Amino acid sequence: METAKKRMLSGNKAMAEAISQEMKRDPNVFVLGEDIGVYGGIFGSTQGLMETYGPDRVLDTPISETAFIGAAIGAAAEGMRPIAELMFVDFFGVCMDQIYNHMAKIPYMSGGNVRLPMVLMTAVGGGYNDAAQHSQTLYATFAHMPGMKVVAPSTPYDLKGMMTSAIRDDNPVVFMFHKSLQGLGWMDQLDESVGSVPEEAYTVPLNEAKVVREGKDVTIVGIQMMTHYAVKAAEKLAEEGIEAEVIDLRSLAPIDKKTILASLKKTHRLLVVDEDYLSYGMTAEIAAIAAEEALYDLEAPVRRLALPDVPIPYSSPLEDFVIPGAEQIYEEVKKLLDEN
């Protein structure tokens, strides 16, 4: 079989390519949001779309999240496939009525007679000193509420494939992309923000976690930046003869229990790492899954590492202190392995 041609793309270019290919394939796909047209999106996720498809399909909107998300909901109800960008996930407060009381509930309340095939994409994550109102992930806030699929890809390959899947899905999808993984020139570019991406369109499932590193001694479950930090920690642990299995969750709703439980049967220890807040979050959900469905596979209590329950600081040293990194993950695994 001929190998598909691949090349290296940054996260934002992988996203923009997925959107462009779907707009070309399906005339019902269009994009709307603040600065997504001429500017190409604050985080580059719509670069080049205005030049290709024009202002009728790439709509720069006024600064009114309630209005343009509501417009996307109405368009989806009428059979179109809108992609609306909520510039920062932190801005959810001004438009949560549209997101949760309408986007998430209309298909259910209509008995399935009204479909809402729409994508709400939004930027998440800290790491570049944008302070308390622009640095959250809020994964659990959206995953907690039924009626929406919630995904958070960690690589350019998955950003393209999962965006394609999200656009084609007949359900509302919240697509959370991490700012640090977009590969933008005005931010500190990470190696992880660039990866091999096929030119042709392809899909990645919206309901499957991925084992990104196999191991036998401990399972580390993370998402987005925490997955990449977990891999770095696992490499350091390997130097000491400790083999950590790292799982990239990728999808928050639905959550892939099968992959997590299969890993625990092998490693018997679990550390969950999250860039969201500790209380009532993703770490607690996965710990509960382990307790309810894999208790007798565990040889030590589950450990959790996440943001403390404080607003994210602007100060660089303080931000580094509250957001978990590779060294903290390494230390938590060592503590976990010391427990009987």
C-alpha atoms as a PDB file:
ATOM      1  CA  MET A   1       0.000   0.000   0.000  1.00  0.00           C
ATOM      2  CA  GLU A   2       1.322   3.449  -0.873  1.00  0.00           C
ATOM      3  CA  THR A   3       2.288   5.449   2.199  1.00  0.00           C
ATOM      4  CA  ALA A   4       0.238   8.640   2.599  1.00  0.00           C
ATOM      5  CA  LYS A   5       2.303  11.753   2.105  1.00  0.00           C
ATOM      6  CA  LYS A   6       2.998  13.530   5.390  1.00  0.00           C
ATOM      7  CA  ARG A   7       4.638  16.754   6.418  1.00  0.00           C
ATOM      8  CA  MET A   8       5.202  18.705   9.609  1.00  0.00           C
ATOM      9  CA  LEU A   9       2.513  21.165  10.695  1.00  0.00           C
ATOM     10  CA  SER A  10       1.932  23.260  13.784  1.00  0.00           C
ATOM     11  CA  GLY A  11      -1.252  22.722  15.752  1.00  0.00           C
ATOM     12  CA  ASN A  12      -3.011  25.823  14.449  1.00  0.00           C
ATOM     13  CA  LYS A  13      -2.246  24.971  10.817  1.00  0.00           C
ATOM     14  CA  ALA A  14      -3.500  21.426  11.316  1.00  0.00           C
ATOM     15  CA  MET A  15      -6.786  22.789  12.671  1.00  0.00           C
ATOM     16  CA  ALA A  16      -7.158  25.350   9.894  1.00  0.00           C
ATOM     17  CA  GLU A  17      -6.485  22.682   7.275  1.00  0.00           C
ATOM     18  CA  ALA A  18      -9.180  20.411   8.719  1.00  0.00           C
ATOM     19  CA  ILE A  19     -11.718  23.227   8.681  1.00  0.00           C
ATOM     20  CA  SER A  20     -10.778  24.248   5.139  1.00  0.00           C
ATOM     21  CA  GLN A  21     -11.071  20.700   3.811  1.00  0.00           C
ATOM     22  CA  GLU A  22     -14.500  20.287   5.392  1.00  0.00           C
ATOM     23  CA  MET A  23     -15.661  23.666   4.045  1.00  0.00           C
ATOM     24  CA  LYS A  24     -14.585  22.546   0.583  1.00  0.00           C
ATOM     25  CA  ARG A  25     -16.293  19.172   0.990  1.00  0.00           C
ATOM     26  CA  ASP A  26     -19.556  20.462   2.474  1.00  0.00           C
ATOM     27  CA  PRO A  27     -21.050  23.882   1.573  1.00  0.00           C
ATOM     28  CA  ASN A  28     -23.072  23.832   4.810  1.00  0.00           C
ATOM     29  CA  VAL A  29     -19.902  24.267   6.901  1.00  0.00           C
ATOM     30  CA  PHE A  30     -19.094  27.855   7.898  1.00  0.00           C
ATOM     31  CA  VAL A  31     -17.144  29.617  10.643  1.00  0.00           C
ATOM     32  CA  LEU A  32     -18.036  32.551  12.869  1.00  0.00           C
ATOM     33  CA  GLY A  33     -16.482  34.350  15.795  1.00  0.00           C
ATOM     34  CA  GLU A  34     -14.365  37.277  16.881  1.00  0.00           C
ATOM     35  CA  ASP A  35     -11.282  38.023  14.735  1.00  0.00           C
ATOM     36  CA  ILE A  36     -11.555  34.692  12.910  1.00  0.00           C
ATOM     37  CA  GLY A  37     -11.713  36.278   9.452  1.00  0.00           C
ATOM     38  CA  VAL A  38      -9.072  38.719   8.254  1.00  0.00           C
ATOM     39  CA  TYR A  39      -6.932  38.141  11.343  1.00  0.00           C
ATOM     40  CA  GLY A  40      -7.180  34.349  11.083  1.00  0.00           C
ATOM     41  CA  GLY A  41      -8.056  33.817  14.724  1.00  0.00           C
ATOM     42  CA  ILE A  42      -6.140  34.995  17.779  1.00  0.00           C
ATOM     43  CA  PHE A  43      -4.595  31.526  18.011  1.00  0.00           C
ATOM     44  CA  GLY A  44      -4.368  30.904  14.280  1.00  0.00           C
ATOM     45  CA  SER A  45      -7.054  28.254  13.993  1.00  0.00           C
ATOM     46  CA  THR A  46      -8.749  29.910  10.992  1.00  0.00           C
ATOM     47  CA  GLN A  47      -5.704  31.154   9.084  1.00  0.00           C
ATOM     48  CA  GLY A  48      -6.289  31.495   5.356  1.00  0.00           C
ATOM     49  CA  LEU A  49     -10.007  30.710   5.438  1.00  0.00           C
ATOM     50  CA  MET A  50     -11.224  34.245   4.687  1.00  0.00           C
ATOM     51  CA  GLU A  51      -9.014  34.452   1.585  1.00  0.00           C
ATOM     52  CA  THR A  52     -10.323  31.112   0.321  1.00  0.00           C
ATOM     53  CA  TYR A  53     -14.013  31.191   1.235  1.00  0.00           C
ATOM     54  CA  GLY A  54     -14.854  34.861   1.683  1.00  0.00           C
ATOM     55  CA  PRO A  55     -16.921  36.768   4.241  1.00  0.00           C
ATOM     56  CA  ASP A  56     -20.143  34.866   3.558  1.00  0.00           C
ATOM     57  CA  ARG A  57     -18.682  31.671   5.053  1.00  0.00           C
ATOM     58  CA  VAL A  58     -16.081  33.156   7.402  1.00  0.00           C
ATOM     59  CA  LEU A  59     -17.938  35.650   9.567  1.00  0.00           C
ATOM     60  CA  ASP A  60     -16.129  38.164  11.765  1.00  0.00           C
ATOM     61  CA  THR A  61     -18.682  38.893  14.457  1.00  0.00           C
ATOM     62  CA  PRO A  62     -19.224  41.694  16.956  1.00  0.00           C
ATOM     63  CA  ILE A  63     -17.983  41.137  20.500  1.00  0.00           C
ATOM     64  CA  SER A  64     -21.151  39.384  21.618  1.00  0.00           C
ATOM     65  CA  GLU A  65     -20.635  35.697  22.405  1.00  0.00           C
ATOM     66  CA  THR A  66     -24.287  35.221  23.278  1.00  0.00           C
ATOM     67  CA  ALA A  67     -25.329  36.536  19.855  1.00  0.00           C
ATOM     68  CA  PHE A  68     -23.000  34.588  17.583  1.00  0.00           C
ATOM     69  CA  ILE A  69     -23.201  31.306  19.527  1.00  0.00           C
ATOM     70  CA  GLY A  70     -26.981  31.682  19.436  1.00  0.00           C
ATOM     71  CA  ALA A  71     -26.784  32.309  15.686  1.00  0.00           C
ATOM     72  CA  ALA A  72     -24.714  29.142  15.271  1.00  0.00           C
ATOM     73  CA  ILE A  73     -27.301  27.139  17.219  1.00  0.00           C
ATOM     74  CA  GLY A  74     -30.087  28.426  14.990  1.00  0.00           C
ATOM     75  CA  ALA A  75     -28.107  27.676  11.840  1.00  0.00           C
ATOM     76  CA  ALA A  76     -27.345  24.144  13.041  1.00  0.00           C
ATOM     77  CA  ALA A  77     -31.021  23.552  13.806  1.00  0.00           C
ATOM     78  CA  GLU A  78     -31.769  24.461  10.179  1.00  0.00           C
ATOM     79  CA  GLY A  79     -29.289  21.942   8.789  1.00  0.00           C
ATOM     80  CA  MET A  80     -26.044  23.861   8.504  1.00  0.00           C
ATOM     81  CA  ARG A  81     -22.779  22.888  10.203  1.00  0.00           C
ATOM     82  CA  PRO A  82     -21.400  25.975  11.942  1.00  0.00           C
ATOM     83  CA  ILE A  83     -18.073  26.245  13.747  1.00  0.00           C
ATOM     84  CA  ALA A  84     -18.194  28.988  16.369  1.00  0.00           C
ATOM     85  CA  GLU A  85     -15.052  30.120  18.168  1.00  0.00           C
ATOM     86  CA  LEU A  86     -15.289  31.206  21.791  1.00  0.00           C
ATOM     87  CA  MET A  87     -11.939  33.004  21.854  1.00  0.00           C
ATOM     88  CA  PHE A  88     -11.002  32.014  25.429  1.00  0.00           C
ATOM     89  CA  VAL A  89     -12.832  29.315  27.373  1.00  0.00           C
ATOM     90  CA  ASP A  90     -12.761  31.742  30.315  1.00  0.00           C
ATOM     91  CA  PHE A  91     -15.383  33.827  28.484  1.00  0.00           C
ATOM     92  CA  PHE A  92     -17.978  31.071  28.934  1.00  0.00           C
ATOM     93  CA  GLY A  93     -19.664  33.082  31.682  1.00  0.00           C
ATOM     94  CA  VAL A  94     -21.250  35.573  29.309  1.00  0.00           C
ATOM     95  CA  CYS A  95     -22.775  32.916  27.023  1.00  0.00           C
ATOM     96  CA  MET A  96     -23.392  29.829  29.157  1.00  0.00           C
ATOM     97  CA  ASP A  97     -27.146  30.102  28.697  1.00  0.00           C
ATOM     98  CA  GLN A  98     -26.728  29.588  24.956  1.00  0.00           C
ATOM     99  CA  ILE A  99     -24.195  26.798  25.425  1.00  0.00           C
ATOM    100  CA  TYR A 100     -25.871  24.768  28.102  1.00  0.00           C
ATOM    101  CA  ASN A 101     -29.561  25.635  28.061  1.00  0.00           C
ATOM    102  CA  HIS A 102     -29.790  25.601  24.266  1.00  0.00           C
ATOM    103  CA  MET A 103     -26.889  23.927  22.457  1.00  0.00           C
ATOM    104  CA  ALA A 104     -26.664  20.996  24.861  1.00  0.00           C
ATOM    105  CA  LYS A 105     -30.373  20.541  25.562  1.00  0.00           C
ATOM    106  CA  ILE A 106     -32.329  21.213  22.382  1.00  0.00           C
ATOM    107  CA  PRO A 107     -31.649  17.774  20.805  1.00  0.00           C
ATOM    108  CA  TYR A 108     -32.816  16.066  24.007  1.00  0.00           C
ATOM    109  CA  MET A 109     -35.799  18.325  24.641  1.00  0.00           C
ATOM    110  CA  SER A 110     -36.969  17.904  21.053  1.00  0.00           C
ATOM    111  CA  GLY A 111     -36.920  14.134  21.420  1.00  0.00           C
ATOM    112  CA  GLY A 112     -34.122  13.951  18.894  1.00  0.00           C
ATOM    113  CA  ASN A 113     -36.146  15.733  16.212  1.00  0.00           C
ATOM    114  CA  VAL A 114     -33.805  18.721  16.154  1.00  0.00           C
ATOM    115  CA  ARG A 115     -30.152  17.947  15.522  1.00  0.00           C
ATOM    116  CA  LEU A 116     -27.429  20.455  16.270  1.00  0.00           C
ATOM    117  CA  PRO A 117     -24.370  19.461  14.214  1.00  0.00           C
ATOM    118  CA  MET A 118     -22.127  22.283  15.398  1.00  0.00           C
ATOM    119  CA  VAL A 119     -18.656  22.763  16.833  1.00  0.00           C
ATOM    120  CA  LEU A 120     -17.855  25.213  19.600  1.00  0.00           C
ATOM    121  CA  MET A 121     -14.076  25.567  19.540  1.00  0.00           C
ATOM    122  CA  THR A 122     -12.262  27.408  22.293  1.00  0.00           C
ATOM    123  CA  ALA A 123      -8.733  28.096  23.540  1.00  0.00           C
ATOM    124  CA  VAL A 124      -7.667  26.721  26.917  1.00  0.00           C
ATOM    125  CA  GLY A 125      -4.589  26.617  29.110  1.00  0.00           C
ATOM    126  CA  GLY A 126      -1.988  28.712  30.857  1.00  0.00           C
ATOM    127  CA  GLY A 127       1.757  28.827  30.738  1.00  0.00           C
ATOM    128  CA  TYR A 128       2.286  32.249  29.225  1.00  0.00           C
ATOM    129  CA  ASN A 129       1.202  34.654  31.972  1.00  0.00           C
ATOM    130  CA  ASP A 130      -2.243  35.725  30.836  1.00  0.00           C
ATOM    131  CA  ALA A 131      -3.638  35.744  34.375  1.00  0.00           C
ATOM    132  CA  ALA A 132      -6.818  34.530  36.022  1.00  0.00           C
ATOM    133  CA  GLN A 133      -9.357  35.400  33.321  1.00  0.00           C
ATOM    134  CA  HIS A 134      -7.456  34.008  30.314  1.00  0.00           C
ATOM    135  CA  SER A 135      -5.541  30.942  31.537  1.00  0.00           C
ATOM    136  CA  GLN A 136      -8.013  28.272  32.635  1.00  0.00           C
ATOM    137  CA  THR A 137      -8.803  24.953  31.014  1.00  0.00           C
ATOM    138  CA  LEU A 138     -12.228  24.294  32.603  1.00  0.00           C
ATOM    139  CA  TYR A 139     -12.346  20.781  31.165  1.00  0.00           C
ATOM    140  CA  ALA A 140     -14.554  19.506  33.962  1.00  0.00           C
ATOM    141  CA  THR A 141     -17.003  22.418  33.733  1.00  0.00           C
ATOM    142  CA  PHE A 142     -18.058  21.335  30.247  1.00  0.00           C
ATOM    143  CA  ALA A 143     -17.610  17.579  30.660  1.00  0.00           C
ATOM    144  CA  HIS A 144     -19.877  17.680  33.723  1.00  0.00           C
ATOM    145  CA  MET A 145     -22.889  18.835  31.695  1.00  0.00           C
ATOM    146  CA  PRO A 146     -24.674  16.212  29.567  1.00  0.00           C
ATOM    147  CA  GLY A 147     -25.660  16.825  25.975  1.00  0.00           C
ATOM    148  CA  MET A 148     -22.293  17.782  24.488  1.00  0.00           C
ATOM    149  CA  LYS A 149     -19.240  15.879  23.357  1.00  0.00           C
ATOM    150  CA  VAL A 150     -16.095  17.440  24.828  1.00  0.00           C
ATOM    151  CA  VAL A 151     -12.667  16.788  23.333  1.00  0.00           C
ATOM    152  CA  ALA A 152      -9.163  18.172  23.913  1.00  0.00           C
ATOM    153  CA  PRO A 153      -6.529  16.931  21.408  1.00  0.00           C
ATOM    154  CA  SER A 154      -2.833  17.020  22.301  1.00  0.00           C
ATOM    155  CA  THR A 155      -0.999  16.717  18.945  1.00  0.00           C
ATOM    156  CA  PRO A 156      -1.279  18.316  15.488  1.00  0.00           C
ATOM    157  CA  TYR A 157      -2.304  14.934  14.068  1.00  0.00           C
ATOM    158  CA  ASP A 158      -5.180  14.655  16.531  1.00  0.00           C
ATOM    159  CA  LEU A 159      -6.117  18.328  16.182  1.00  0.00           C
ATOM    160  CA  LYS A 160      -6.760  17.796  12.478  1.00  0.00           C
ATOM    161  CA  GLY A 161      -8.373  14.373  12.733  1.00  0.00           C
ATOM    162  CA  MET A 162     -10.612  15.200  15.691  1.00  0.00           C
ATOM    163  CA  MET A 163     -11.666  18.540  14.187  1.00  0.00           C
ATOM    164  CA  THR A 164     -12.733  16.690  11.037  1.00  0.00           C
ATOM    165  CA  SER A 165     -14.691  14.205  13.156  1.00  0.00           C
ATOM    166  CA  ALA A 166     -16.259  17.021  15.188  1.00  0.00           C
ATOM    167  CA  ILE A 167     -17.472  18.878  12.096  1.00  0.00           C
ATOM    168  CA  ARG A 168     -19.001  15.704  10.656  1.00  0.00           C
ATOM    169  CA  ASP A 169     -20.648  14.697  13.933  1.00  0.00           C
ATOM    170  CA  ASP A 170     -24.398  15.277  14.217  1.00  0.00           C
ATOM    171  CA  ASN A 171     -24.085  16.284  17.881  1.00  0.00           C
ATOM    172  CA  PRO A 172     -22.787  19.508  19.430  1.00  0.00           C
ATOM    173  CA  VAL A 173     -19.058  19.188  20.105  1.00  0.00           C
ATOM    174  CA  VAL A 174     -16.966  21.398  22.378  1.00  0.00           C
ATOM    175  CA  PHE A 175     -13.477  21.369  20.857  1.00  0.00           C
ATOM    176  CA  MET A 176     -10.856  22.622  23.322  1.00  0.00           C
ATOM    177  CA  PHE A 177      -7.445  23.463  21.856  1.00  0.00           C
ATOM    178  CA  HIS A 178      -4.475  24.349  24.065  1.00  0.00           C
ATOM    179  CA  LYS A 179      -2.803  27.674  23.298  1.00  0.00           C
ATOM    180  CA  SER A 180       0.682  26.298  23.975  1.00  0.00           C
ATOM    181  CA  LEU A 181       0.133  23.508  21.440  1.00  0.00           C
ATOM    182  CA  GLN A 182      -0.840  25.810  18.566  1.00  0.00           C
ATOM    183  CA  GLY A 183       2.782  26.524  17.610  1.00  0.00           C
ATOM    184  CA  LEU A 184       2.396  30.284  17.331  1.00  0.00           C
ATOM    185  CA  GLY A 185       5.447  32.428  16.716  1.00  0.00           C
ATOM    186  CA  TRP A 186       4.606  35.001  19.381  1.00  0.00           C
ATOM    187  CA  MET A 187       4.575  32.332  22.086  1.00  0.00           C
ATOM    188  CA  ASP A 188       7.427  30.116  23.215  1.00  0.00           C
ATOM    189  CA  GLN A 189       7.148  27.391  20.580  1.00  0.00           C
ATOM    190  CA  LEU A 190       7.217  23.888  22.000  1.00  0.00           C
ATOM    191  CA  ASP A 191       8.493  20.864  20.108  1.00  0.00           C
ATOM    192  CA  GLU A 192       5.181  19.167  20.908  1.00  0.00           C
ATOM    193  CA  SER A 193       3.255  21.843  18.981  1.00  0.00           C
ATOM    194  CA  VAL A 194       4.613  20.589  15.642  1.00  0.00           C
ATOM    195  CA  GLY A 195       4.040  17.114  14.257  1.00  0.00           C
ATOM    196  CA  SER A 196       3.536  14.944  11.201  1.00  0.00           C
ATOM    197  CA  VAL A 197       0.122  15.455   9.600  1.00  0.00           C
ATOM    198  CA  PRO A 198      -1.197  13.813   6.413  1.00  0.00           C
ATOM    199  CA  GLU A 199      -2.325  16.111   3.614  1.00  0.00           C
ATOM    200  CA  GLU A 200      -5.544  14.226   2.942  1.00  0.00           C
ATOM    201  CA  ALA A 201      -8.618  14.432   5.154  1.00  0.00           C
ATOM    202  CA  TYR A 202      -8.893  11.781   7.867  1.00  0.00           C
ATOM    203  CA  THR A 203     -10.795  11.286  11.112  1.00  0.00           C
ATOM    204  CA  VAL A 204      -9.784  10.454  14.673  1.00  0.00           C
ATOM    205  CA  PRO A 205     -12.534   9.082  16.961  1.00  0.00           C
ATOM    206  CA  LEU A 206     -14.032  11.458  19.518  1.00  0.00           C
ATOM    207  CA  ASN A 207     -14.433   8.782  22.181  1.00  0.00           C
ATOM    208  CA  GLU A 208     -11.066   7.052  22.467  1.00  0.00           C
ATOM    209  CA  ALA A 209      -8.062   7.652  24.701  1.00  0.00           C
ATOM    210  CA  LYS A 210      -4.611   6.812  23.378  1.00  0.00           C
ATOM    211  CA  VAL A 211      -1.714   5.003  25.040  1.00  0.00           C
ATOM    212  CA  VAL A 212       1.202   7.233  24.037  1.00  0.00           C
ATOM    213  CA  ARG A 213       3.819   5.326  26.046  1.00  0.00           C
ATOM    214  CA  GLU A 214       3.592   1.736  27.248  1.00  0.00           C
ATOM    215  CA  GLY A 215       4.784   0.669  30.684  1.00  0.00           C
ATOM    216  CA  LYS A 216       4.225  -1.887  33.416  1.00  0.00           C
ATOM    217  CA  ASP A 217       4.799  -0.125  36.755  1.00  0.00           C
ATOM    218  CA  VAL A 218       2.354   2.789  36.920  1.00  0.00           C
ATOM    219  CA  THR A 219      -0.345   4.406  34.772  1.00  0.00           C
ATOM    220  CA  ILE A 220      -0.313   8.169  34.294  1.00  0.00           C
ATOM    221  CA  VAL A 221      -3.481   9.653  32.784  1.00  0.00           C
ATOM    222  CA  GLY A 222      -3.258  13.202  31.435  1.00  0.00           C
ATOM    223  CA  ILE A 223      -4.600  15.458  28.735  1.00  0.00           C
ATOM    224  CA  GLN A 224      -3.008  18.061  26.448  1.00  0.00           C
ATOM    225  CA  MET A 225       0.027  19.661  28.152  1.00  0.00           C
ATOM    226  CA  MET A 226      -0.174  17.228  31.060  1.00  0.00           C
ATOM    227  CA  THR A 227       0.211  14.328  28.628  1.00  0.00           C
ATOM    228  CA  HIS A 228       3.401  15.821  27.245  1.00  0.00           C
ATOM    229  CA  TYR A 229       4.751  16.534  30.740  1.00  0.00           C
ATOM    230  CA  ALA A 230       3.872  12.971  31.750  1.00  0.00           C
ATOM    231  CA  VAL A 231       5.943  11.593  28.863  1.00  0.00           C
ATOM    232  CA  LYS A 232       8.917  13.693  29.988  1.00  0.00           C
ATOM    233  CA  ALA A 233       8.484  12.437  33.543  1.00  0.00           C
ATOM    234  CA  ALA A 234       8.241   8.856  32.271  1.00  0.00           C
ATOM    235  CA  GLU A 235      11.523   9.260  30.406  1.00  0.00           C
ATOM    236  CA  LYS A 236      13.224  10.370  33.625  1.00  0.00           C
ATOM    237  CA  LEU A 237      11.644   7.487  35.546  1.00  0.00           C
ATOM    238  CA  ALA A 238      12.875   5.033  32.898  1.00  0.00           C
ATOM    239  CA  GLU A 239      16.441   6.026  33.726  1.00  0.00           C
ATOM    240  CA  GLU A 240      15.771   4.539  37.167  1.00  0.00           C
ATOM    241  CA  GLY A 241      14.204   1.361  35.799  1.00  0.00           C
ATOM    242  CA  ILE A 242      10.592   2.503  36.327  1.00  0.00           C
ATOM    243  CA  GLU A 243       8.365   2.051  33.283  1.00  0.00           C
ATOM    244  CA  ALA A 244       5.336   4.349  33.312  1.00  0.00           C
ATOM    245  CA  GLU A 245       2.413   3.907  30.936  1.00  0.00           C
ATOM    246  CA  VAL A 246       1.080   7.269  29.751  1.00  0.00           C
ATOM    247  CA  ILE A 247      -2.492   7.671  28.529  1.00  0.00           C
ATOM    248  CA  ASP A 248      -3.627  10.750  26.599  1.00  0.00           C
ATOM    249  CA  LEU A 249      -7.302  11.020  27.493  1.00  0.00           C
ATOM    250  CA  ARG A 250      -8.155  13.115  24.370  1.00  0.00           C
ATOM    251  CA  SER A 251     -11.903  12.915  25.025  1.00  0.00           C
ATOM    252  CA  LEU A 252     -13.534  14.099  28.254  1.00  0.00           C
ATOM    253  CA  ALA A 253     -17.121  13.322  27.257  1.00  0.00           C
ATOM    254  CA  PRO A 254     -17.513  10.525  26.520  1.00  0.00           C
ATOM    255  CA  ILE A 255     -14.631   9.250  28.615  1.00  0.00           C
ATOM    256  CA  ASP A 256     -12.803   6.086  27.540  1.00  0.00           C
ATOM    257  CA  LYS A 257     -12.993   3.844  30.602  1.00  0.00           C
ATOM    258  CA  LYS A 258     -11.884   0.764  28.683  1.00  0.00           C
ATOM    259  CA  THR A 259      -8.375   2.026  27.938  1.00  0.00           C
ATOM    260  CA  ILE A 260      -7.839   3.225  31.510  1.00  0.00           C
ATOM    261  CA  LEU A 261      -9.074   0.006  33.102  1.00  0.00           C
ATOM    262  CA  ALA A 262      -7.009  -2.167  30.752  1.00  0.00           C
ATOM    263  CA  SER A 263      -3.909  -0.232  31.754  1.00  0.00           C
ATOM    264  CA  LEU A 264      -4.639  -0.605  35.473  1.00  0.00           C
ATOM    265  CA  LYS A 265      -4.892  -4.370  35.125  1.00  0.00           C
ATOM    266  CA  LYS A 266      -1.290  -4.258  33.944  1.00  0.00           C
ATOM    267  CA  THR A 267       0.299  -1.555  36.137  1.00  0.00           C
ATOM    268  CA  HIS A 268      -1.831  -1.670  39.330  1.00  0.00           C
ATOM    269  CA  ARG A 269      -1.074   1.981  40.152  1.00  0.00           C
ATOM    270  CA  LEU A 270      -2.638   5.234  38.943  1.00  0.00           C
ATOM    271  CA  LEU A 271      -1.667   8.886  38.885  1.00  0.00           C
ATOM    272  CA  VAL A 272      -4.088  11.344  37.254  1.00  0.00           C
ATOM    273  CA  VAL A 273      -2.702  14.729  36.176  1.00  0.00           C
ATOM    274  CA  ASP A 274      -4.783  17.741  35.170  1.00  0.00           C
ATOM    275  CA  GLU A 275      -4.300  21.429  34.323  1.00  0.00           C
ATOM    276  CA  ASP A 276      -7.825  22.070  35.595  1.00  0.00           C
ATOM    277  CA  TYR A 277      -8.697  22.627  39.249  1.00  0.00           C
ATOM    278  CA  LEU A 278      -8.326  19.751  41.698  1.00  0.00           C
ATOM    279  CA  SER A 279     -11.733  19.764  43.374  1.00  0.00           C
ATOM    280  CA  TYR A 280     -14.710  18.225  41.546  1.00  0.00           C
ATOM    281  CA  GLY A 281     -12.621  17.731  38.410  1.00  0.00           C
ATOM    282  CA  MET A 282     -11.293  15.220  35.906  1.00  0.00           C
ATOM    283  CA  THR A 283      -8.854  13.736  38.411  1.00  0.00           C
ATOM    284  CA  ALA A 284     -11.712  12.943  40.779  1.00  0.00           C
ATOM    285  CA  GLU A 285     -13.780  11.380  37.987  1.00  0.00           C
ATOM    286  CA  ILE A 286     -10.998   9.051  36.879  1.00  0.00           C
ATOM    287  CA  ALA A 287     -10.140   8.190  40.470  1.00  0.00           C
ATOM    288  CA  ALA A 288     -13.800   7.253  40.976  1.00  0.00           C
ATOM    289  CA  ILE A 289     -13.749   5.054  37.867  1.00  0.00           C
ATOM    290  CA  ALA A 290     -10.704   3.259  39.243  1.00  0.00           C
ATOM    291  CA  ALA A 291     -12.314   2.841  42.667  1.00  0.00           C
ATOM    292  CA  GLU A 292     -15.626   1.585  41.301  1.00  0.00           C
ATOM    293  CA  GLU A 293     -14.384  -0.670  38.522  1.00  0.00           C
ATOM    294  CA  ALA A 294     -10.756  -1.569  39.256  1.00  0.00           C
ATOM    295  CA  LEU A 295     -10.373  -1.441  43.037  1.00  0.00           C
ATOM    296  CA  TYR A 296      -8.962  -4.943  43.327  1.00  0.00           C
ATOM    297  CA  ASP A 297      -6.452  -4.268  40.575  1.00  0.00           C
ATOM    298  CA  LEU A 298      -4.894  -1.423  42.573  1.00  0.00           C
ATOM    299  CA  GLU A 299      -1.919  -2.018  44.850  1.00  0.00           C
ATOM    300  CA  ALA A 300      -1.822   1.567  46.156  1.00  0.00           C
ATOM    301  CA  PRO A 301      -4.275   4.458  46.572  1.00  0.00           C
ATOM    302  CA  VAL A 302      -4.862   6.617  43.490  1.00  0.00           C
ATOM    303  CA  ARG A 303      -2.870   9.850  43.493  1.00  0.00           C
ATOM    304  CA  ARG A 304      -4.048  13.104  41.897  1.00  0.00           C
ATOM    305  CA  LEU A 305      -2.072  16.125  40.720  1.00  0.00           C
ATOM    306  CA  ALA A 306      -3.867  19.239  39.481  1.00  0.00           C
ATOM    307  CA  LEU A 307      -4.174  22.987  39.923  1.00  0.00           C
ATOM    308  CA  PRO A 308      -4.857  24.040  43.500  1.00  0.00           C
ATOM    309  CA  ASP A 309      -8.227  25.715  43.940  1.00  0.00           C
ATOM    310  CA  VAL A 310      -6.994  29.269  43.399  1.00  0.00           C
ATOM    311  CA  PRO A 311      -7.278  31.712  40.480  1.00  0.00           C
ATOM    312  CA  ILE A 312      -4.318  31.300  38.140  1.00  0.00           C
ATOM    313  CA  PRO A 313      -1.687  33.946  38.973  1.00  0.00           C
ATOM    314  CA  TYR A 314      -0.248  36.439  36.512  1.00  0.00           C
ATOM    315  CA  SER A 315       3.211  36.237  38.064  1.00  0.00           C
ATOM    316  CA  SER A 316       5.414  33.824  36.119  1.00  0.00           C
ATOM    317  CA  PRO A 317       6.954  32.120  39.190  1.00  0.00           C
ATOM    318  CA  LEU A 318       3.532  31.757  40.804  1.00  0.00           C
ATOM    319  CA  GLU A 319       1.971  30.411  37.609  1.00  0.00           C
ATOM    320  CA  ASP A 320       4.783  27.865  37.342  1.00  0.00           C
ATOM    321  CA  PHE A 321       4.129  26.931  40.978  1.00  0.00           C
ATOM    322  CA  VAL A 322       0.415  26.166  40.523  1.00  0.00           C
ATOM    323  CA  ILE A 323       0.481  24.466  37.081  1.00  0.00           C
ATOM    324  CA  PRO A 324       1.863  20.904  37.313  1.00  0.00           C
ATOM    325  CA  GLY A 325       4.977  20.090  35.291  1.00  0.00           C
ATOM    326  CA  ALA A 326       7.186  17.129  34.488  1.00  0.00           C
ATOM    327  CA  GLU A 327       9.151  17.350  37.735  1.00  0.00           C
ATOM    328  CA  GLN A 328       6.028  17.317  39.909  1.00  0.00           C
ATOM    329  CA  ILE A 329       4.697  14.315  37.988  1.00  0.00           C
ATOM    330  CA  TYR A 330       8.007  12.505  38.487  1.00  0.00           C
ATOM    331  CA  GLU A 331       7.892  13.203  42.233  1.00  0.00           C
ATOM    332  CA  GLU A 332       4.279  12.035  42.551  1.00  0.00           C
ATOM    333  CA  VAL A 333       5.071   8.756  40.810  1.00  0.00           C
ATOM    334  CA  LYS A 334       7.996   8.176  43.190  1.00  0.00           C
ATOM    335  CA  LYS A 335       5.691   8.735  46.169  1.00  0.00           C
ATOM    336  CA  LEU A 336       3.108   6.408  44.652  1.00  0.00           C
ATOM    337  CA  LEU A 337       5.635   3.635  44.169  1.00  0.00           C
ATOM    338  CA  ASP A 338       6.777   4.000  47.770  1.00  0.00           C
ATOM    339  CA  GLU A 339       3.248   3.232  49.013  1.00  0.00           C
ATOM    340  CA  ASN A 340       2.303  -0.346  49.861  1.00  0.00           C
END
